Amino acid sequence: MKRLITMTAVAIAGYASAASAALPEVVIGAGTGAPVRTPYCQGFDRTLSADTIYVLTGLYYVEPGASLTIEPGTIIKGHDATGGTLIVTRGGQIFAQGTP
């Protein structure tokens, strides 16, 4: 029984990787060549769609008066080398409705 569960988990992980591998990747934030923790300030409304994988670089601030909408099923990865971090400042808004 344990072997069956393990094989099922591997099959699901492989399916998820294959499905996300087909999506284009877009870098948002300061960029992958920026020094660690370089800030990027979003002062406009932006929507991240589920048909793209987003790579978050540096310190990504959603500024007061701006909003970030994240569609259900959207994949956002943090870039390790630049310390990809999302920060919603006071007065900024984030709208994210997840899926089970």
Protein backbone atom coordinates (compact mmCIF):
# COMPACT_ATOMS: atom_id res chain seq x y z
CA MET A 1 0.00 0.00 0.00
CA LYS A 2 2.82 2.41 0.87
CA ARG A 3 4.40 1.85 -2.55
CA LEU A 4 1.10 2.67 -4.29
CA ILE A 5 0.80 5.98 -2.43
CA THR A 6 4.39 6.89 -3.30
CA MET A 7 3.91 6.07 -6.97
CA THR A 8 0.67 8.11 -7.06
CA ALA A 9 2.44 11.11 -5.50
CA VAL A 10 5.25 10.87 -8.04
CA ALA A 11 2.75 10.67 -10.90
CA ILE A 12 0.87 13.74 -9.65
CA ALA A 13 4.10 15.71 -9.17
CA GLY A 14 5.22 14.76 -12.67
CA TYR A 15 1.88 15.87 -14.12
CA ALA A 16 2.04 19.24 -12.32
CA SER A 17 5.59 19.83 -13.53
CA ALA A 18 4.71 18.93 -17.11
CA ALA A 19 1.65 21.20 -17.07
CA SER A 20 3.53 24.19 -15.66
CA ALA A 21 6.50 23.60 -17.97
CA ALA A 22 4.28 24.46 -20.94
CA LEU A 23 3.52 27.93 -19.55
CA PRO A 24 5.72 30.93 -20.37
CA GLU A 25 7.74 32.51 -17.54
CA VAL A 26 7.78 36.27 -16.97
CA VAL A 27 10.18 38.01 -14.59
CA ILE A 28 8.55 40.74 -12.50
CA GLY A 29 10.31 43.07 -10.10
CA ALA A 30 13.84 44.42 -10.21
CA GLY A 31 15.08 41.67 -12.57
CA THR A 32 17.36 38.65 -12.14
CA GLY A 33 20.53 40.71 -12.72
CA ALA A 34 19.73 43.18 -9.93
CA PRO A 35 21.61 43.16 -6.62
CA VAL A 36 20.01 41.19 -3.79
CA ARG A 37 16.85 42.75 -2.37
CA THR A 38 16.66 45.59 -4.89
CA PRO A 39 13.25 47.30 -4.50
CA TYR A 40 10.68 47.60 -7.27
CA CYS A 41 7.64 49.80 -6.64
CA GLN A 42 4.39 49.00 -8.47
CA GLY A 43 2.38 52.21 -8.58
CA PHE A 44 -0.31 50.96 -10.97
CA ASP A 45 -3.02 48.27 -11.08
CA ARG A 46 -1.74 44.91 -12.34
CA THR A 47 -3.29 41.47 -12.92
CA LEU A 48 -1.27 38.25 -12.88
CA SER A 49 -3.01 35.62 -15.01
CA ALA A 50 -3.03 31.85 -14.64
CA ASP A 51 -1.65 31.31 -18.16
CA THR A 52 1.82 32.53 -17.13
CA ILE A 53 4.39 31.60 -14.47
CA TYR A 54 5.75 34.70 -12.73
CA VAL A 55 9.25 34.86 -11.23
CA LEU A 56 9.31 37.47 -8.46
CA THR A 57 12.69 39.21 -8.09
CA GLY A 58 13.92 41.55 -5.37
CA LEU A 59 11.57 43.37 -3.02
CA TYR A 60 8.32 43.89 -4.94
CA TYR A 61 6.22 46.64 -3.32
CA VAL A 62 2.56 47.27 -4.15
CA GLU A 63 2.35 51.00 -3.45
CA PRO A 64 -0.54 52.96 -1.91
CA GLY A 65 -3.36 53.43 -4.43
CA ALA A 66 -2.19 50.47 -6.57
CA SER A 67 -3.66 46.98 -6.66
CA LEU A 68 -2.36 43.52 -7.52
CA THR A 69 -4.93 40.97 -8.68
CA ILE A 70 -3.83 37.32 -8.80
CA GLU A 71 -6.13 34.98 -10.75
CA PRO A 72 -6.93 31.53 -9.32
CA GLY A 73 -4.31 28.96 -10.35
CA THR A 74 -1.55 31.51 -10.98
CA ILE A 75 1.98 30.28 -10.21
CA ILE A 76 4.39 32.78 -8.65
CA LYS A 77 7.96 31.72 -7.88
CA GLY A 78 10.38 33.65 -5.69
CA HIS A 79 13.85 34.13 -7.19
CA ASP A 80 16.36 32.90 -4.57
CA ALA A 81 19.40 34.90 -5.66
CA THR A 82 17.57 38.25 -5.46
CA GLY A 83 15.36 37.40 -2.46
CA GLY A 84 12.03 37.62 -4.32
CA THR A 85 9.51 39.02 -1.80
CA LEU A 86 6.02 40.50 -2.24
CA ILE A 87 5.20 43.42 0.06
CA VAL A 88 1.81 45.14 0.03
CA THR A 89 2.22 48.55 1.67
CA ARG A 90 -0.47 50.33 3.67
CA GLY A 91 -2.92 51.69 1.11
CA GLY A 92 -1.95 49.09 -1.52
CA GLN A 93 -4.36 46.27 -2.30
CA ILE A 94 -4.04 42.60 -3.19
CA PHE A 95 -6.89 40.51 -4.56
CA ALA A 96 -6.18 36.79 -4.63
CA GLN A 97 -8.90 34.15 -4.75
CA GLY A 98 -7.27 30.74 -4.42
CA THR A 99 -8.42 27.34 -5.63
CA PRO A 100 -8.60 24.14 -3.55
